Amino acid sequence: MNNYTQLTEKKKVEIDILLKQGLSMRKVGKILGISHSTISRYKAGIYKKRKIEITKRYEIFLDYLYSHYDRRTNSIEVCIYMFKKRYRGVKCPSVQQVYNWIKNNKIEIKKENMCYKKRRNKKYGMMQHTLWNLDNKTVLPISLRPKYIEKRQEKGHLEIDSILGKRNEQDSIISVVDRCTRKVWLIKSQYKNEYYTDKLIYEFIIKNGIKVKSITTDNGLEFTALGITAKKLGVKLYKCDPYCSFQRGTNERMNAIVRRFIPKGESMKLKPQIYLDDISFMINSMPRKIFDFKCAFDVELEYN
C-alpha cells in the first residue's frame, strides 16, 4: 500500500469487532486488507483520546490524586475518601474505576506503583486446576461426547490406553489411536504415575505434531491427570464408564494388533522407543479391510 488513506468509520467498527474476538493486529490486517501498523496507530489514537477525555472530565480529582497518592501511606481508597470529604459536589470516580484506569494505563499511576501487588497462590495449584476443569468442562463423561465424533469423518479425535507387560512391572506402553484414520502411535512409559504419564503424552504429541481435537480414555489411575494435557491443547477429555471397554473399541482393537508383536505377559523393560516406533510404522503400513485394503498412511493423506 503506497498511498495512505484514512480509515472509514465502517473499517474502524470492523477492526474493533475482530480485535474483541481475540485476533491479533496482523491477522485483522490480513482479513481487512490493511497494514497492521495502521491498526496499531488507530488503537493508540483511541487510547490517547480516552486518556485526554478522562483528564478533562476528572481534572480536579486527578490533580489531587497525583499530589496526594503515596503507596506507603495514602492508598487509592484513602485519596478518594479524602477528596470527597474536601471537595463536596465535585465529580469523583469510584475506586474500581480508578483501578481500571491504572490497569489499562489511562492515568499516570502505574500498576507497579500500587500499594498491594497481586501474588500468585502456588499452593493448592492442582486444586485450582481441578476447579478450572469443572468450570470449563474440560473433563467430561463419554455420554456427553458429541455425536459427530462417532461418525469418524474428522482427524484428531484420539483414544488413549495402556498396554501392560509383566505383572507388578512399572514399564508399559501407551497406545494413541486416531479414530478416523486408525493411525497408531506407541509411547514407552517407565512409570505409572499420573503426572509423569500426562507429561509424557503431552510432550510426545507436541514433538510429533499430532493433530488433536478430542481425547477419550478409560478410568485408569495413570490417566487421572490427563486433563492437564487437554487443558494445554484446548480440547475436551472424555472418560469412559467403568468396565465399558467397548466405548473405546478402536483402542481395544488396536491393542490386539500390537499384541501380535508383543505377546501378553512379555516384559516391556527391554522394549525401547525406537522399537515401538518400528511397530507403529508396520501397523500403519498394514492394509486394512475396513479401508478397502488401504493402509492408515493412505487414509491419512485423503483427509489432509
Protein backbone atom coordinates (compact mmCIF):
# COMPACT_ATOMS: atom_id res chain seq x y z
CA MET A 1 0.00 0.00 0.00
CA ASN A 2 1.81 3.04 -1.25
CA ASN A 3 -0.98 5.57 -0.94
CA TYR A 4 -2.18 6.38 2.58
CA THR A 5 -5.95 6.55 3.08
CA GLN A 6 -7.77 7.30 6.31
CA LEU A 7 -9.79 4.57 7.91
CA THR A 8 -13.51 4.83 7.30
CA GLU A 9 -15.99 4.51 10.17
CA LYS A 10 -17.02 1.12 8.77
CA LYS A 11 -13.40 -0.11 8.84
CA LYS A 12 -12.97 1.13 12.41
CA VAL A 13 -16.04 -0.80 13.53
CA GLU A 14 -14.79 -3.94 11.75
CA ILE A 15 -11.38 -3.57 13.43
CA ASP A 16 -12.99 -3.22 16.88
CA ILE A 17 -15.19 -6.30 16.33
CA LEU A 18 -12.31 -8.51 15.14
CA LEU A 19 -9.96 -7.39 17.93
CA LYS A 20 -12.65 -8.17 20.53
CA GLN A 21 -12.75 -11.72 19.16
CA GLY A 22 -9.10 -12.11 20.24
CA LEU A 23 -7.45 -11.86 16.81
CA SER A 24 -4.01 -10.28 16.53
CA MET A 25 -3.49 -6.98 14.72
CA ARG A 26 -1.62 -8.78 11.94
CA LYS A 27 -4.49 -11.25 11.46
CA VAL A 28 -7.07 -8.43 11.44
CA GLY A 29 -4.96 -6.51 8.91
CA LYS A 30 -4.78 -9.58 6.67
CA ILE A 31 -8.55 -10.09 6.82
CA LEU A 32 -9.40 -6.45 6.10
CA GLY A 33 -6.57 -5.88 3.63
CA ILE A 34 -4.84 -3.11 5.59
CA SER A 35 -1.47 -2.78 7.27
CA HIS A 36 -1.20 -3.96 10.89
CA SER A 37 0.70 -0.74 11.67
CA THR A 38 -2.39 1.23 10.60
CA ILE A 39 -4.45 -0.73 13.13
CA SER A 40 -1.79 -0.15 15.78
CA ARG A 41 -1.86 3.62 15.16
CA TYR A 42 -5.67 3.60 15.19
CA LYS A 43 -5.79 1.82 18.60
CA ALA A 44 -3.05 4.07 20.00
CA GLY A 45 -5.09 7.09 18.91
CA ILE A 46 -8.18 5.75 20.70
CA TYR A 47 -6.24 5.18 23.94
CA LYS A 48 -4.73 8.66 23.72
CA LYS A 49 -8.13 10.21 23.05
CA ARG A 50 -9.72 8.37 26.00
CA LYS A 51 -6.83 9.43 28.24
CA ILE A 52 -7.40 13.08 27.29
CA GLU A 53 -11.16 12.73 27.89
CA ILE A 54 -10.56 11.28 31.36
CA THR A 55 -8.10 14.07 32.17
CA LYS A 56 -10.60 16.76 31.13
CA ARG A 57 -13.58 15.20 32.91
CA TYR A 58 -11.76 14.49 36.18
CA GLU A 59 -9.12 17.23 36.06
CA ILE A 60 -9.56 18.39 39.69
CA PHE A 61 -9.65 14.83 41.04
CA LEU A 62 -6.55 13.70 39.07
CA ASP A 63 -4.58 16.76 40.24
CA TYR A 64 -5.46 15.83 43.83
CA LEU A 65 -4.67 12.14 43.27
CA TYR A 66 -1.25 12.78 41.72
CA SER A 67 -0.24 15.16 44.52
CA HIS A 68 -1.53 13.04 47.45
CA TYR A 69 -1.17 9.39 46.39
CA ASP A 70 1.62 7.55 48.19
CA ARG A 71 1.84 3.76 48.01
CA ARG A 72 3.26 3.67 51.57
CA THR A 73 0.72 5.85 53.36
CA ASN A 74 -2.11 7.07 51.10
CA SER A 75 -3.81 4.35 49.05
CA ILE A 76 -6.30 4.96 46.21
CA GLU A 77 -9.20 4.38 48.64
CA VAL A 78 -7.80 6.91 51.11
CA CYS A 79 -7.30 9.53 48.38
CA ILE A 80 -10.87 9.12 47.11
CA TYR A 81 -12.27 9.29 50.64
CA MET A 82 -10.31 12.46 51.45
CA PHE A 83 -11.18 14.05 48.10
CA LYS A 84 -14.92 13.51 48.59
CA LYS A 85 -14.67 14.95 52.07
CA ARG A 86 -12.74 18.00 50.90
CA TYR A 87 -14.38 18.71 47.51
CA ARG A 88 -18.09 18.16 48.02
CA GLY A 89 -20.10 18.25 44.79
CA VAL A 90 -17.04 17.84 42.53
CA LYS A 91 -17.14 14.88 40.12
CA CYS A 92 -15.26 11.91 41.59
CA PRO A 93 -14.83 8.37 40.15
CA SER A 94 -15.36 5.16 42.07
CA VAL A 95 -12.45 3.17 43.50
CA GLN A 96 -12.97 0.40 40.93
CA GLN A 97 -12.99 2.92 38.11
CA VAL A 98 -9.60 4.28 39.18
CA TYR A 99 -8.20 0.75 39.41
CA ASN A 100 -9.48 0.08 35.86
CA TRP A 101 -7.72 3.24 34.63
CA ILE A 102 -4.47 2.07 36.23
CA LYS A 103 -4.85 -1.44 34.79
CA ASN A 104 -5.40 -0.04 31.28
CA ASN A 105 -2.66 2.64 31.59
CA LYS A 106 -5.14 5.51 31.22
CA ILE A 107 -3.68 7.66 34.03
CA GLU A 108 -0.15 8.43 35.22
CA ILE A 109 -0.11 5.96 38.15
CA LYS A 110 1.35 2.62 37.04
CA LYS A 111 0.47 -0.90 38.20
CA GLU A 112 3.94 -1.43 39.67
CA ASN A 113 3.42 1.60 41.95
CA MET A 114 0.32 0.19 43.64
CA CYS A 115 0.17 -0.36 47.40
CA TYR A 116 -0.61 -4.05 47.07
CA LYS A 117 0.81 -6.32 44.40
CA LYS A 118 -1.09 -9.45 43.42
CA ARG A 119 0.75 -12.68 44.08
CA ARG A 120 0.08 -16.00 42.52
CA ASN A 121 -1.06 -18.56 45.02
CA LYS A 122 1.12 -21.54 44.13
CA LYS A 123 -0.29 -23.58 46.98
CA TYR A 124 -3.27 -25.70 46.01
CA GLY A 125 -2.21 -25.47 42.33
CA MET A 126 -3.74 -28.83 41.44
CA MET A 127 -6.97 -27.95 43.24
CA GLN A 128 -7.21 -24.79 41.13
CA HIS A 129 -6.62 -26.93 38.03
CA THR A 130 -9.45 -29.27 39.09
CA LEU A 131 -11.80 -26.34 39.63
CA TRP A 132 -10.79 -24.97 36.21
CA ASN A 133 -11.70 -28.32 34.63
CA LEU A 134 -15.11 -28.26 36.32
CA ASP A 135 -15.84 -24.65 35.36
CA ASN A 136 -14.70 -25.04 31.74
CA LYS A 137 -15.96 -28.62 31.35
CA THR A 138 -12.58 -29.91 30.13
CA VAL A 139 -13.07 -33.43 31.54
CA LEU A 140 -16.46 -34.92 30.66
CA PRO A 141 -18.16 -38.34 30.78
CA ILE A 142 -18.31 -40.14 27.43
CA SER A 143 -22.09 -39.77 27.40
CA LEU A 144 -21.54 -36.09 26.62
CA ARG A 145 -19.22 -36.77 23.67
CA PRO A 146 -20.79 -35.17 20.55
CA LYS A 147 -22.39 -37.50 18.01
CA TYR A 148 -20.28 -36.19 15.12
CA ILE A 149 -17.19 -37.77 16.72
CA GLU A 150 -18.89 -41.16 16.38
CA LYS A 151 -19.07 -40.72 12.58
CA ARG A 152 -15.25 -40.86 12.27
CA GLN A 153 -15.20 -38.27 9.48
CA GLU A 154 -12.63 -35.96 11.07
CA LYS A 155 -8.97 -36.45 12.03
CA GLY A 156 -7.76 -35.55 15.52
CA HIS A 157 -10.18 -37.44 17.78
CA LEU A 158 -7.86 -39.72 19.76
CA GLU A 159 -8.35 -42.73 22.01
CA ILE A 160 -5.62 -43.44 24.58
CA ASP A 161 -4.99 -46.61 26.61
CA SER A 162 -2.21 -48.54 28.36
CA ILE A 163 -0.76 -51.88 27.26
CA LEU A 164 0.70 -53.65 30.29
CA GLY A 165 3.66 -56.01 30.45
CA LYS A 166 4.51 -58.46 33.21
CA ARG A 167 2.53 -58.37 36.44
CA ASN A 168 3.90 -55.92 39.04
CA GLU A 169 6.10 -54.28 36.37
CA GLN A 170 6.11 -50.48 36.11
CA ASP A 171 7.06 -50.36 32.42
CA SER A 172 4.17 -50.24 29.96
CA ILE A 173 3.15 -48.92 26.54
CA ILE A 174 0.70 -46.08 25.97
CA SER A 175 -1.19 -46.51 22.70
CA VAL A 176 -2.66 -43.45 20.98
CA VAL A 177 -5.07 -44.11 18.09
CA ASP A 178 -6.83 -41.72 15.72
CA ARG A 179 -10.50 -42.74 15.49
CA CYS A 180 -10.78 -41.64 11.86
CA THR A 181 -7.59 -42.94 10.18
CA ARG A 182 -6.81 -45.70 12.72
CA LYS A 183 -3.22 -44.43 12.79
CA VAL A 184 -1.42 -45.56 15.94
CA TRP A 185 1.44 -44.12 17.98
CA LEU A 186 3.12 -46.15 20.74
CA ILE A 187 4.85 -44.47 23.69
CA LYS A 188 7.26 -46.19 26.08
CA SER A 189 6.29 -45.47 29.69
CA GLN A 190 8.57 -46.37 32.62
CA TYR A 191 6.24 -45.40 35.47
CA LYS A 192 2.53 -45.42 36.24
CA ASN A 193 2.45 -42.03 37.98
CA GLU A 194 -0.40 -39.89 36.60
CA TYR A 195 1.65 -36.67 36.30
CA TYR A 196 4.54 -38.49 34.64
CA THR A 197 2.07 -40.07 32.17
CA ASP A 198 0.41 -36.73 31.46
CA LYS A 199 3.74 -35.02 30.74
CA LEU A 200 4.91 -37.96 28.62
CA ILE A 201 1.79 -37.89 26.42
CA TYR A 202 1.79 -34.10 26.04
CA GLU A 203 5.46 -33.94 25.04
CA PHE A 204 5.01 -36.83 22.57
CA ILE A 205 2.00 -35.12 20.94
CA ILE A 206 3.87 -31.81 20.57
CA LYS A 207 7.12 -33.43 19.35
CA ASN A 208 5.33 -35.49 16.68
CA GLY A 209 2.88 -32.78 15.64
CA ILE A 210 -0.15 -34.98 16.27
CA LYS A 211 -3.43 -33.24 15.46
CA VAL A 212 -5.76 -33.34 18.49
CA LYS A 213 -9.43 -32.31 18.60
CA SER A 214 -10.59 -34.53 21.47
CA ILE A 215 -9.25 -37.29 23.72
CA THR A 216 -11.06 -40.38 25.02
CA THR A 217 -9.56 -42.53 27.80
CA ASP A 218 -10.61 -45.17 30.30
CA ASN A 219 -10.65 -44.65 34.07
CA GLY A 220 -7.12 -45.95 34.70
CA LEU A 221 -5.28 -44.20 37.53
CA GLU A 222 -2.40 -43.35 35.18
CA PHE A 223 -4.75 -41.05 33.21
CA THR A 224 -6.14 -39.17 36.23
CA ALA A 225 -4.13 -36.04 35.43
CA LEU A 226 -4.59 -36.15 31.65
CA GLY A 227 -6.97 -33.21 31.96
CA ILE A 228 -3.83 -31.04 32.21
CA THR A 229 -2.84 -32.06 28.68
CA ALA A 230 -6.39 -31.47 27.44
CA LYS A 231 -6.31 -28.02 29.02
CA LYS A 232 -2.96 -27.17 27.39
CA LEU A 233 -4.18 -28.36 23.98
CA GLY A 234 -7.54 -26.63 24.36
CA VAL A 235 -9.60 -29.79 23.78
CA LYS A 236 -12.14 -31.90 25.69
CA LEU A 237 -11.21 -35.10 27.51
CA TYR A 238 -13.93 -37.78 27.61
CA LYS A 239 -13.82 -40.51 30.27
CA CYS A 240 -15.34 -43.92 29.55
CA ASP A 241 -17.65 -45.60 32.03
CA PRO A 242 -16.09 -48.22 34.35
CA TYR A 243 -15.81 -51.71 32.83
CA CYS A 244 -17.00 -50.46 29.44
CA SER A 245 -14.00 -51.08 27.18
CA PHE A 246 -16.35 -51.27 24.17
CA GLN A 247 -16.66 -47.48 24.42
CA ARG A 248 -13.04 -47.37 23.18
CA GLY A 249 -13.44 -50.04 20.53
CA THR A 250 -10.80 -48.55 18.23
CA ASN A 251 -8.26 -48.59 21.05
CA GLU A 252 -9.06 -52.16 22.10
CA ARG A 253 -8.84 -53.45 18.52
CA MET A 254 -5.50 -51.68 18.01
CA ASN A 255 -4.12 -53.10 21.26
CA ALA A 256 -4.95 -56.59 19.97
CA ILE A 257 -2.90 -55.88 16.83
CA VAL A 258 0.03 -54.61 18.96
CA ARG A 259 -0.13 -57.89 20.91
CA ARG A 260 0.81 -59.70 17.69
CA PHE A 261 4.26 -58.11 18.08
CA ILE A 262 4.40 -58.06 21.91
CA PRO A 263 2.50 -61.04 23.35
CA LYS A 264 0.65 -60.71 26.64
CA GLY A 265 2.85 -61.30 29.71
CA GLU A 266 6.03 -60.28 27.92
CA SER A 267 8.26 -57.77 29.75
CA MET A 268 8.24 -54.17 28.47
CA LYS A 269 11.54 -53.19 30.10
CA LEU A 270 13.68 -54.15 27.10
CA LYS A 271 11.36 -52.50 24.56
CA PRO A 272 12.94 -49.11 23.68
CA GLN A 273 11.02 -46.29 21.98
CA ILE A 274 12.74 -46.92 18.64
CA TYR A 275 11.39 -50.50 18.67
CA LEU A 276 7.87 -49.20 19.36
CA ASP A 277 8.26 -46.70 16.50
CA ASP A 278 9.05 -49.62 14.16
CA ILE A 279 5.97 -51.50 15.32
CA SER A 280 3.82 -48.39 14.81
CA PHE A 281 5.21 -47.96 11.29
CA MET A 282 4.46 -51.60 10.39
CA ILE A 283 0.90 -51.38 11.73
CA ASN A 284 0.24 -48.05 9.97
CA SER A 285 1.59 -49.56 6.71
CA MET A 286 -0.65 -52.63 7.05
CA PRO A 287 -3.56 -52.93 4.56
CA ARG A 288 -6.89 -52.76 6.40
CA LYS A 289 -10.07 -54.39 5.12
CA ILE A 290 -12.15 -51.62 6.71
CA PHE A 291 -10.47 -49.14 4.30
CA ASP A 292 -10.74 -51.33 1.17
CA PHE A 293 -7.23 -52.61 1.91
CA LYS A 294 -5.66 -49.20 2.15
CA CYS A 295 -3.23 -48.55 4.99
CA ALA A 296 -3.55 -45.85 7.69
CA PHE A 297 -0.98 -43.66 5.91
CA ASP A 298 -3.10 -43.69 2.73
CA VAL A 299 -6.25 -42.82 4.64
CA GLU A 300 -4.43 -40.01 6.45
CA LEU A 301 -3.43 -38.46 3.10
CA GLU A 302 -7.07 -38.48 1.98
CA TYR A 303 -8.06 -36.37 4.99
CA ASN A 304 -5.25 -33.81 4.63
